[in-house]
N, C-alpha and C. Protein backbone atom coordinates (compact mmCIF):
# COMPACT_ATOMS: atom_id res chain seq x y z
N MET A 1 3.40 -2.87 -13.00
CA MET A 1 1.98 -2.98 -12.85
C MET A 1 1.67 -4.21 -12.00
N LEU A 2 0.74 -4.06 -11.09
CA LEU A 2 0.29 -5.15 -10.24
C LEU A 2 -1.07 -5.62 -10.72
N LYS A 3 -1.31 -6.92 -10.65
CA LYS A 3 -2.63 -7.47 -10.97
C LYS A 3 -3.19 -8.06 -9.69
N LEU A 4 -4.48 -7.81 -9.46
CA LEU A 4 -5.09 -8.19 -8.20
C LEU A 4 -6.46 -8.77 -8.45
N LEU A 5 -6.82 -9.81 -7.71
CA LEU A 5 -8.16 -10.38 -7.74
C LEU A 5 -8.82 -10.06 -6.41
N VAL A 6 -9.93 -9.35 -6.44
CA VAL A 6 -10.67 -9.05 -5.21
C VAL A 6 -12.06 -9.65 -5.33
N GLN A 7 -12.60 -10.02 -4.19
CA GLN A 7 -13.89 -10.69 -4.17
C GLN A 7 -14.73 -10.12 -3.05
N GLY A 8 -15.99 -9.88 -3.30
CA GLY A 8 -16.88 -9.36 -2.28
C GLY A 8 -18.16 -8.84 -2.91
N SER A 9 -18.96 -8.19 -2.11
CA SER A 9 -20.19 -7.61 -2.64
C SER A 9 -19.86 -6.36 -3.44
N GLN A 10 -20.79 -5.93 -4.27
CA GLN A 10 -20.55 -4.73 -5.07
C GLN A 10 -20.31 -3.52 -4.18
N ASP A 11 -21.03 -3.44 -3.08
CA ASP A 11 -20.86 -2.31 -2.15
C ASP A 11 -19.47 -2.30 -1.54
N GLU A 12 -19.00 -3.49 -1.10
CA GLU A 12 -17.66 -3.58 -0.51
C GLU A 12 -16.58 -3.21 -1.52
N LEU A 13 -16.73 -3.71 -2.75
CA LEU A 13 -15.74 -3.40 -3.78
C LEU A 13 -15.74 -1.93 -4.13
N SER A 14 -16.91 -1.31 -4.17
CA SER A 14 -16.97 0.12 -4.48
C SER A 14 -16.25 0.93 -3.42
N ARG A 15 -16.48 0.61 -2.14
CA ARG A 15 -15.79 1.34 -1.07
C ARG A 15 -14.30 1.09 -1.09
N PHE A 16 -13.90 -0.14 -1.41
CA PHE A 16 -12.47 -0.50 -1.46
C PHE A 16 -11.76 0.33 -2.53
N PHE A 17 -12.32 0.39 -3.73
CA PHE A 17 -11.67 1.10 -4.82
C PHE A 17 -11.80 2.61 -4.69
N LEU A 18 -12.80 3.07 -3.97
CA LEU A 18 -12.92 4.50 -3.72
C LEU A 18 -11.72 5.02 -2.93
N GLN A 19 -11.19 4.18 -2.04
CA GLN A 19 -9.99 4.57 -1.29
C GLN A 19 -8.80 4.80 -2.21
N PHE A 20 -8.67 4.00 -3.26
CA PHE A 20 -7.55 4.17 -4.18
C PHE A 20 -7.74 5.39 -5.06
N ARG A 21 -8.96 5.76 -5.36
CA ARG A 21 -9.20 6.93 -6.19
C ARG A 21 -8.83 8.22 -5.47
N THR A 22 -8.80 8.20 -4.14
CA THR A 22 -8.44 9.39 -3.39
C THR A 22 -6.93 9.63 -3.38
N HIS A 23 -6.16 8.64 -3.76
CA HIS A 23 -4.70 8.76 -3.80
C HIS A 23 -4.26 8.87 -5.26
N LYS A 24 -3.58 9.95 -5.59
CA LYS A 24 -3.14 10.18 -6.97
C LYS A 24 -2.10 9.17 -7.42
N GLU A 25 -1.42 8.54 -6.47
CA GLU A 25 -0.34 7.62 -6.83
C GLU A 25 -0.83 6.34 -7.48
N PHE A 26 -2.11 5.99 -7.27
CA PHE A 26 -2.64 4.73 -7.78
C PHE A 26 -3.56 4.98 -8.96
N ILE A 27 -3.31 4.26 -10.04
CA ILE A 27 -4.22 4.26 -11.18
C ILE A 27 -4.77 2.84 -11.29
N VAL A 28 -6.09 2.72 -11.21
CA VAL A 28 -6.75 1.41 -11.18
C VAL A 28 -7.44 1.16 -12.52
N HIS A 29 -7.18 -0.01 -13.10
CA HIS A 29 -7.79 -0.40 -14.37
C HIS A 29 -8.56 -1.70 -14.15
N PRO A 30 -9.90 -1.68 -14.13
CA PRO A 30 -10.65 -2.94 -14.02
C PRO A 30 -10.43 -3.78 -15.28
N ASP A 31 -10.12 -5.07 -15.11
CA ASP A 31 -9.89 -5.95 -16.25
C ASP A 31 -11.13 -6.76 -16.60
N SER A 32 -11.68 -7.49 -15.60
CA SER A 32 -12.86 -8.30 -15.87
C SER A 32 -13.64 -8.52 -14.58
N ILE A 33 -14.93 -8.75 -14.74
CA ILE A 33 -15.84 -9.00 -13.62
C ILE A 33 -16.48 -10.36 -13.81
N GLN A 34 -16.54 -11.15 -12.73
CA GLN A 34 -17.20 -12.45 -12.78
C GLN A 34 -18.12 -12.58 -11.58
N TRP A 35 -19.37 -12.95 -11.84
CA TRP A 35 -20.32 -13.23 -10.77
C TRP A 35 -20.05 -14.65 -10.28
N GLN A 36 -20.07 -14.86 -8.96
CA GLN A 36 -19.79 -16.18 -8.43
C GLN A 36 -20.93 -17.15 -8.70
N GLU A 37 -22.15 -16.72 -8.46
CA GLU A 37 -23.33 -17.52 -8.74
C GLU A 37 -24.39 -16.59 -9.28
N GLU A 38 -25.40 -17.15 -9.95
CA GLU A 38 -26.43 -16.30 -10.55
C GLU A 38 -27.15 -15.45 -9.52
N ASN A 39 -27.51 -16.01 -8.37
CA ASN A 39 -28.30 -15.29 -7.37
C ASN A 39 -27.43 -14.66 -6.28
N SER A 40 -26.14 -14.71 -6.44
CA SER A 40 -25.23 -14.22 -5.40
C SER A 40 -24.91 -12.75 -5.61
N GLU A 41 -24.64 -12.06 -4.51
CA GLU A 41 -24.18 -10.67 -4.59
C GLU A 41 -22.66 -10.60 -4.72
N ASN A 42 -21.99 -11.72 -4.50
CA ASN A 42 -20.53 -11.72 -4.54
C ASN A 42 -20.00 -11.64 -5.96
N VAL A 43 -18.98 -10.85 -6.12
CA VAL A 43 -18.37 -10.60 -7.42
C VAL A 43 -16.87 -10.82 -7.30
N GLN A 44 -16.26 -11.37 -8.34
CA GLN A 44 -14.81 -11.43 -8.43
C GLN A 44 -14.40 -10.39 -9.47
N LEU A 45 -13.47 -9.54 -9.11
CA LEU A 45 -13.04 -8.47 -9.99
C LEU A 45 -11.53 -8.53 -10.15
N TYR A 46 -11.08 -8.65 -11.38
CA TYR A 46 -9.66 -8.61 -11.69
C TYR A 46 -9.31 -7.18 -12.06
N VAL A 47 -8.29 -6.63 -11.42
CA VAL A 47 -7.89 -5.25 -11.69
C VAL A 47 -6.37 -5.16 -11.82
N SER A 48 -5.93 -4.14 -12.54
CA SER A 48 -4.51 -3.83 -12.65
C SER A 48 -4.26 -2.51 -11.95
N PHE A 49 -3.18 -2.44 -11.19
CA PHE A 49 -2.79 -1.23 -10.47
C PHE A 49 -1.49 -0.71 -11.04
N ASN A 50 -1.43 0.57 -11.31
CA ASN A 50 -0.17 1.25 -11.60
C ASN A 50 0.14 2.13 -10.42
N PHE A 51 1.35 2.02 -9.91
CA PHE A 51 1.79 2.87 -8.81
C PHE A 51 2.70 3.93 -9.39
N CYS A 52 2.26 5.18 -9.35
CA CYS A 52 2.99 6.30 -9.94
C CYS A 52 3.24 7.36 -8.88
N PRO A 53 4.29 7.21 -8.07
CA PRO A 53 4.55 8.22 -7.05
C PRO A 53 4.91 9.56 -7.69
N GLU A 54 4.40 10.63 -7.10
CA GLU A 54 4.67 11.96 -7.63
C GLU A 54 6.12 12.35 -7.42
N SER A 55 6.63 12.09 -6.26
CA SER A 55 8.02 12.43 -5.97
C SER A 55 8.57 11.45 -4.95
N ARG A 56 9.86 11.34 -4.92
CA ARG A 56 10.51 10.46 -3.95
C ARG A 56 10.82 11.28 -2.71
N GLU A 57 10.36 10.82 -1.59
CA GLU A 57 10.55 11.56 -0.35
C GLU A 57 11.51 10.82 0.57
N ASN A 58 12.33 11.59 1.25
CA ASN A 58 13.24 11.03 2.24
C ASN A 58 12.54 10.98 3.60
N LEU A 59 12.86 10.00 4.35
CA LEU A 59 12.32 9.83 5.69
C LEU A 59 13.48 9.47 6.62
N THR A 60 13.63 10.20 7.70
CA THR A 60 14.69 9.91 8.67
C THR A 60 14.05 9.34 9.92
N ILE A 61 14.51 8.16 10.32
CA ILE A 61 14.03 7.57 11.57
C ILE A 61 15.21 7.43 12.52
N GLN A 62 14.91 7.52 13.81
CA GLN A 62 15.93 7.34 14.84
C GLN A 62 15.49 6.22 15.76
N MET A 63 16.46 5.36 16.08
CA MET A 63 16.21 4.26 17.01
C MET A 63 17.28 4.29 18.09
N MET A 64 16.90 3.88 19.28
CA MET A 64 17.87 3.84 20.38
C MET A 64 18.16 2.37 20.72
N THR A 65 19.45 2.03 20.78
CA THR A 65 19.85 0.68 21.14
C THR A 65 19.69 0.48 22.64
N GLU A 66 19.87 -0.74 23.10
CA GLU A 66 19.76 -1.05 24.52
C GLU A 66 20.82 -0.31 25.33
N LYS A 67 21.96 0.01 24.70
CA LYS A 67 23.03 0.72 25.38
C LYS A 67 22.85 2.24 25.34
N GLY A 68 21.79 2.71 24.68
CA GLY A 68 21.52 4.15 24.63
C GLY A 68 22.09 4.87 23.43
N THR A 69 22.70 4.15 22.51
CA THR A 69 23.24 4.76 21.30
C THR A 69 22.09 5.04 20.32
N ILE A 70 22.10 6.23 19.75
CA ILE A 70 21.06 6.59 18.79
C ILE A 70 21.54 6.26 17.38
N VAL A 71 20.73 5.50 16.65
CA VAL A 71 21.04 5.12 15.27
C VAL A 71 20.07 5.86 14.37
N LYS A 72 20.62 6.59 13.39
CA LYS A 72 19.81 7.34 12.44
C LYS A 72 19.82 6.63 11.10
N LEU A 73 18.63 6.47 10.50
CA LEU A 73 18.52 5.88 9.17
C LEU A 73 17.79 6.85 8.26
N ASP A 74 18.41 7.17 7.13
CA ASP A 74 17.76 8.00 6.12
C ASP A 74 17.21 7.08 5.04
N LEU A 75 15.89 7.00 4.95
CA LEU A 75 15.23 6.11 4.01
C LEU A 75 14.71 6.89 2.82
N LEU A 76 14.91 6.35 1.63
CA LEU A 76 14.36 6.93 0.42
C LEU A 76 13.00 6.27 0.17
N ASP A 77 12.03 7.01 -0.28
CA ASP A 77 10.67 6.51 -0.51
C ASP A 77 10.07 5.95 0.78
N GLY A 78 10.30 6.61 1.88
CA GLY A 78 9.83 6.13 3.18
C GLY A 78 8.33 6.27 3.34
N ILE A 79 7.74 5.24 3.91
CA ILE A 79 6.30 5.23 4.20
C ILE A 79 6.12 4.72 5.62
N VAL A 80 5.30 5.43 6.39
CA VAL A 80 4.97 5.01 7.75
C VAL A 80 3.49 4.72 7.80
N THR A 81 3.13 3.51 8.26
CA THR A 81 1.73 3.11 8.40
C THR A 81 1.48 2.72 9.84
N ARG A 82 0.48 3.35 10.44
CA ARG A 82 0.12 3.03 11.82
C ARG A 82 -1.17 2.21 11.81
N PHE A 83 -1.16 1.09 12.52
CA PHE A 83 -2.32 0.20 12.57
C PHE A 83 -3.12 0.45 13.84
N ASP A 84 -4.38 0.00 13.84
CA ASP A 84 -5.27 0.21 14.98
C ASP A 84 -4.78 -0.47 16.25
N ASP A 85 -4.03 -1.56 16.11
CA ASP A 85 -3.57 -2.29 17.29
C ASP A 85 -2.32 -1.68 17.92
N GLY A 86 -1.93 -0.48 17.46
CA GLY A 86 -0.79 0.21 18.05
C GLY A 86 0.54 -0.09 17.38
N LYS A 87 0.55 -0.97 16.40
CA LYS A 87 1.79 -1.30 15.70
C LYS A 87 2.05 -0.30 14.59
N THR A 88 3.33 -0.07 14.31
CA THR A 88 3.73 0.84 13.25
C THR A 88 4.62 0.10 12.27
N TYR A 89 4.33 0.25 10.99
CA TYR A 89 5.10 -0.38 9.92
C TYR A 89 5.85 0.73 9.17
N ILE A 90 7.17 0.59 9.08
CA ILE A 90 8.01 1.57 8.39
C ILE A 90 8.70 0.87 7.23
N ARG A 91 8.59 1.47 6.04
CA ARG A 91 9.19 0.87 4.85
C ARG A 91 9.94 1.95 4.09
N GLY A 92 11.07 1.56 3.52
CA GLY A 92 11.84 2.49 2.70
C GLY A 92 13.09 1.80 2.19
N LYS A 93 13.87 2.54 1.43
CA LYS A 93 15.12 2.01 0.87
C LYS A 93 16.28 2.71 1.53
N LEU A 94 17.29 1.93 1.87
CA LEU A 94 18.49 2.47 2.51
C LEU A 94 19.68 2.14 1.63
N TYR A 95 20.41 3.17 1.24
CA TYR A 95 21.61 2.98 0.43
C TYR A 95 22.81 3.35 1.26
N ASP A 96 23.64 2.35 1.59
CA ASP A 96 24.84 2.56 2.38
C ASP A 96 26.05 2.30 1.47
N ILE A 97 26.67 3.37 1.02
CA ILE A 97 27.79 3.21 0.08
C ILE A 97 29.04 2.69 0.78
N PHE A 98 29.06 2.72 2.12
CA PHE A 98 30.22 2.23 2.86
C PHE A 98 30.01 0.82 3.40
N GLY A 99 28.83 0.25 3.21
CA GLY A 99 28.48 -1.05 3.79
C GLY A 99 29.03 -2.23 3.07
């Protein structure tokens, strides 16, 4: 379980947590809410996250070395995230029994 402190307006927090509700893998438990100031719209919210993946998926990526050799990696629980600036983040677990 992960614990997280988020801060912002009620509208921002609602949109933020709505994104997690669309993914079945995340279960969000609000722990406590604190107003920053009496007249402020900003809220601090402590939440707990449970990450419950439905299934473990394999992901195969291929990379080419400078010499032209193709390297294949089979990743368990692979996730690919593409960012707006054109960068790609690849995460996963690699088990090499011969390494």
